[in-house]
C-alpha atoms as a PDB file:
ATOM      1  CA  UNK A   1      -5.971 -17.955  12.259  1.00  0.00           C
ATOM      2  CA  UNK A   2      -2.745 -16.294  13.289  1.00  0.00           C
ATOM      3  CA  UNK A   3      -0.747 -14.267  10.954  1.00  0.00           C
ATOM      4  CA  UNK A   4       2.755 -17.259  10.307  1.00  0.00           C
ATOM      5  CA  UNK A   5      -1.100 -19.900  10.170  1.00  0.00           C
ATOM      6  CA  UNK A   6      -3.187 -17.471   7.636  1.00  0.00           C
ATOM      7  CA  UNK A   7       0.467 -16.799   5.354  1.00  0.00           C
ATOM      8  CA  UNK A   8       1.263 -21.322   5.152  1.00  0.00           C
ATOM      9  CA  UNK A   9      -2.199 -21.812   4.357  1.00  0.00           C
ATOM     10  CA  UNK A  10      -2.003 -18.789   1.217  1.00  0.00           C
ATOM     11  CA  UNK A  11       1.126 -19.648   0.282  1.00  0.00           C
ATOM     12  CA  UNK A  12       1.566 -21.217  -3.120  1.00  0.00           C
ATOM     13  CA  UNK A  13       4.829 -21.806  -4.835  1.00  0.00           C
ATOM     14  CA  UNK A  14       6.952 -18.103  -6.654  1.00  0.00           C
ATOM     15  CA  UNK A  15       6.196 -20.266 -10.281  1.00  0.00           C
ATOM     16  CA  UNK A  16       2.840 -20.917  -9.853  1.00  0.00           C
ATOM     17  CA  UNK A  17       2.121 -17.227  -8.602  1.00  0.00           C
ATOM     18  CA  UNK A  18       4.241 -16.036 -11.958  1.00  0.00           C
ATOM     19  CA  UNK A  19       1.606 -18.357 -13.933  1.00  0.00           C
ATOM     20  CA  UNK A  20      -1.494 -16.100 -13.017  1.00  0.00           C
ATOM     21  CA  UNK A  21      -0.152 -13.099 -13.508  1.00  0.00           C
ATOM     22  CA  UNK A  22      -1.299 -12.859 -16.643  1.00  0.00           C
ATOM     23  CA  UNK A  23      -4.090 -14.895 -16.573  1.00  0.00           C
ATOM     24  CA  UNK A  24      -5.427 -13.076 -13.783  1.00  0.00           C
ATOM     25  CA  UNK A  25      -3.965  -9.612 -13.583  1.00  0.00           C
ATOM     26  CA  UNK A  26      -3.862  -6.387 -16.152  1.00  0.00           C
ATOM     27  CA  UNK A  27       0.055  -6.398 -18.213  1.00  0.00           C
ATOM     28  CA  UNK A  28      -0.328  -3.168 -16.889  1.00  0.00           C
ATOM     29  CA  UNK A  29       0.126  -4.461 -13.047  1.00  0.00           C
ATOM     30  CA  UNK A  30       3.555  -4.317 -14.235  1.00  0.00           C
ATOM     31  CA  UNK A  31       7.076  -6.378 -12.013  1.00  0.00           C
ATOM     32  CA  UNK A  32       9.920  -4.824  -9.842  1.00  0.00           C
ATOM     33  CA  UNK A  33      12.722  -6.715 -10.348  1.00  0.00           C
ATOM     34  CA  UNK A  34      10.962  -8.693 -13.975  1.00  0.00           C
ATOM     35  CA  UNK A  35      13.415 -11.387 -14.923  1.00  0.00           C
ATOM     36  CA  UNK A  36      13.472 -12.739 -10.647  1.00  0.00           C
ATOM     37  CA  UNK A  37      10.387 -10.732  -8.962  1.00  0.00           C
ATOM     38  CA  UNK A  38      10.798 -10.504  -5.244  1.00  0.00           C
ATOM     39  CA  UNK A  39       7.642 -12.409  -3.742  1.00  0.00           C
ATOM     40  CA  UNK A  40       6.921 -10.415  -0.505  1.00  0.00           C
ATOM     41  CA  UNK A  41       5.258 -12.720   2.042  1.00  0.00           C
ATOM     42  CA  UNK A  42       5.156 -10.359   4.921  1.00  0.00           C
ATOM     43  CA  UNK A  43       5.684  -7.727   6.287  1.00  0.00           C
ATOM     44  CA  UNK A  44       6.061  -6.529   9.995  1.00  0.00           C
ATOM     45  CA  UNK A  45       8.043  -2.802  11.424  1.00  0.00           C
ATOM     46  CA  UNK A  46       9.378  -1.439   8.075  1.00  0.00           C
ATOM     47  CA  UNK A  47      10.050  -4.858   6.591  1.00  0.00           C
ATOM     48  CA  UNK A  48       8.538  -6.555   4.130  1.00  0.00           C
ATOM     49  CA  UNK A  49      10.081 -10.157   3.987  1.00  0.00           C
ATOM     50  CA  UNK A  50      11.014 -12.449   0.440  1.00  0.00           C
ATOM     51  CA  UNK A  51       9.254 -16.118   0.680  1.00  0.00           C
ATOM     52  CA  UNK A  52      12.562 -16.780   1.559  1.00  0.00           C
ATOM     53  CA  UNK A  53      12.227 -15.057   4.738  1.00  0.00           C
ATOM     54  CA  UNK A  54      15.103 -12.134   3.357  1.00  0.00           C
ATOM     55  CA  UNK A  55      14.552  -8.611   4.823  1.00  0.00           C
ATOM     56  CA  UNK A  56      13.373  -6.380   2.342  1.00  0.00           C
ATOM     57  CA  UNK A  57      13.914  -2.254   4.490  1.00  0.00           C
ATOM     58  CA  UNK A  58      11.229  -0.019   3.700  1.00  0.00           C
ATOM     59  CA  UNK A  59      12.764   2.413   2.013  1.00  0.00           C
ATOM     60  CA  UNK A  60       9.156   2.874  -0.422  1.00  0.00           C
ATOM     61  CA  UNK A  61       6.429   5.232   2.438  1.00  0.00           C
ATOM     62  CA  UNK A  62       3.700   1.910   1.440  1.00  0.00           C
ATOM     63  CA  UNK A  63       5.967  -0.424   3.237  1.00  0.00           C
ATOM     64  CA  UNK A  64       7.386   1.818   6.018  1.00  0.00           C
ATOM     65  CA  UNK A  65       5.416   0.617   8.894  1.00  0.00           C
ATOM     66  CA  UNK A  66       3.621  -2.501   7.479  1.00  0.00           C
ATOM     67  CA  UNK A  67       1.035  -4.449  10.150  1.00  0.00           C
ATOM     68  CA  UNK A  68       2.552  -1.822  12.837  1.00  0.00           C
ATOM     69  CA  UNK A  69      -0.511  -2.297  16.491  1.00  0.00           C
ATOM     70  CA  UNK A  70      -0.997   1.129  15.852  1.00  0.00           C
ATOM     71  CA  UNK A  71      -1.393   1.710  11.875  1.00  0.00           C
ATOM     72  CA  UNK A  72      -3.604  -1.134  11.506  1.00  0.00           C
ATOM     73  CA  UNK A  73      -5.807   0.179  14.508  1.00  0.00           C
ATOM     74  CA  UNK A  74      -6.203   3.152  12.970  1.00  0.00           C
ATOM     75  CA  UNK A  75      -7.016   1.944   9.538  1.00  0.00           C
ATOM     76  CA  UNK A  76      -9.617   0.081  10.515  1.00  0.00           C
ATOM     77  CA  UNK A  77     -11.449   2.835  12.248  1.00  0.00           C
ATOM     78  CA  UNK A  78     -11.482   4.564   9.922  1.00  0.00           C
ATOM     79  CA  UNK A  79     -12.510   1.802   6.780  1.00  0.00           C
ATOM     80  CA  UNK A  80     -15.440   1.096   9.625  1.00  0.00           C
ATOM     81  CA  UNK A  81     -16.458   5.186   8.572  1.00  0.00           C
ATOM     82  CA  UNK A  82     -15.864   5.804   4.980  1.00  0.00           C
ATOM     83  CA  UNK A  83     -14.611   4.144   1.751  1.00  0.00           C
ATOM     84  CA  UNK A  84     -10.998   4.883   0.997  1.00  0.00           C
ATOM     85  CA  UNK A  85     -11.049   7.127  -2.002  1.00  0.00           C
ATOM     86  CA  UNK A  86     -12.856  10.794  -2.885  1.00  0.00           C
ATOM     87  CA  UNK A  87     -15.753   9.794  -5.006  1.00  0.00           C
ATOM     88  CA  UNK A  88     -18.794  10.211  -2.407  1.00  0.00           C
ATOM     89  CA  UNK A  89     -18.305  12.953  -0.172  1.00  0.00           C
ATOM     90  CA  UNK A  90     -17.704  12.519   3.683  1.00  0.00           C
ATOM     91  CA  UNK A  91     -16.801  14.403   6.404  1.00  0.00           C
ATOM     92  CA  UNK A  92     -13.774  12.694   7.412  1.00  0.00           C
ATOM     93  CA  UNK A  93     -11.006  14.089   4.394  1.00  0.00           C
ATOM     94  CA  UNK A  94     -12.640  17.208   4.649  1.00  0.00           C
ATOM     95  CA  UNK A  95     -11.080  17.966   8.062  1.00  0.00           C
ATOM     96  CA  UNK A  96      -8.154  15.942   7.301  1.00  0.00           C
ATOM     97  CA  UNK A  97      -7.388  17.945   4.173  1.00  0.00           C
ATOM     98  CA  UNK A  98      -8.364  21.373   6.132  1.00  0.00           C
ATOM     99  CA  UNK A  99      -5.856  20.381   9.943  1.00  0.00           C
ATOM    100  CA  UNK A 100      -3.422  20.137   6.671  1.00  0.00           C
ATOM    101  CA  UNK A 101      -3.764  23.273   5.255  1.00  0.00           C
ATOM    102  CA  UNK A 102      -3.439  24.691   8.909  1.00  0.00           C
ATOM    103  CA  UNK A 103       0.019  23.324   8.958  1.00  0.00           C
ATOM    104  CA  UNK A 104       1.050  23.730   4.910  1.00  0.00           C
ATOM    105  CA  UNK A 105       1.538  27.537   3.267  1.00  0.00           C
ATOM    106  CA  UNK A 106      -1.770  28.810   1.954  1.00  0.00           C
ATOM    107  CA  UNK A 107      -0.125  27.977  -2.328  1.00  0.00           C
ATOM    108  CA  UNK A 108      -0.699  24.845  -0.980  1.00  0.00           C
ATOM    109  CA  UNK A 109      -4.329  24.046   0.360  1.00  0.00           C
ATOM    110  CA  UNK A 110      -5.841  22.500  -2.216  1.00  0.00           C
ATOM    111  CA  UNK A 111      -4.698  18.011  -2.532  1.00  0.00           C
ATOM    112  CA  UNK A 112      -5.233  15.307  -4.099  1.00  0.00           C
ATOM    113  CA  UNK A 113      -5.033  12.625  -2.536  1.00  0.00           C
ATOM    114  CA  UNK A 114      -4.298   8.785  -2.666  1.00  0.00           C
ATOM    115  CA  UNK A 115      -4.708   5.315  -1.766  1.00  0.00           C
ATOM    116  CA  UNK A 116      -1.841   4.216  -2.975  1.00  0.00           C
ATOM    117  CA  UNK A 117       2.098   4.909  -3.412  1.00  0.00           C
ATOM    118  CA  UNK A 118       1.881   3.172  -7.625  1.00  0.00           C
ATOM    119  CA  UNK A 119      -0.667   5.817  -7.694  1.00  0.00           C
ATOM    120  CA  UNK A 120       1.653   8.793  -5.795  1.00  0.00           C
ATOM    121  CA  UNK A 121       4.694   7.350  -8.075  1.00  0.00           C
ATOM    122  CA  UNK A 122       1.860   7.751 -11.502  1.00  0.00           C
ATOM    123  CA  UNK A 123       0.540  11.050 -10.630  1.00  0.00           C
ATOM    124  CA  UNK A 124       4.045  12.165  -9.912  1.00  0.00           C
ATOM    125  CA  UNK A 125       5.693  10.969 -13.018  1.00  0.00           C
ATOM    126  CA  UNK A 126       3.231  12.608 -14.990  1.00  0.00           C
ATOM    127  CA  UNK A 127       3.366  16.147 -13.499  1.00  0.00           C
ATOM    128  CA  UNK A 128       7.732  15.552 -13.409  1.00  0.00           C
END
């Protein structure tokens, strides 16, 4: 299926999606703009598109270059060889940390890698 065909197949009314949320997702999964939440249908480049086709500029780091072919390919290659967390030993995370530490001052040589923008925000708020 093409991306457009897949989106059409997955599409449900916004009201239906809202009704399903409390049944299937934890209350801790909060919506931005809860009084009129945006329903994102797809991403391309730096834009996310809602159900009406309106583009939202990817001002959040996790939205930047969504579905860019180079990023998708790199993510695919990494997913073939390791998990997205640090619960298990794997050389890739060590190699990345070492390369990253070589570009930063010595005080910034220990890392805490996260796999989502929301976790980053939670830790950032907690650190502040």
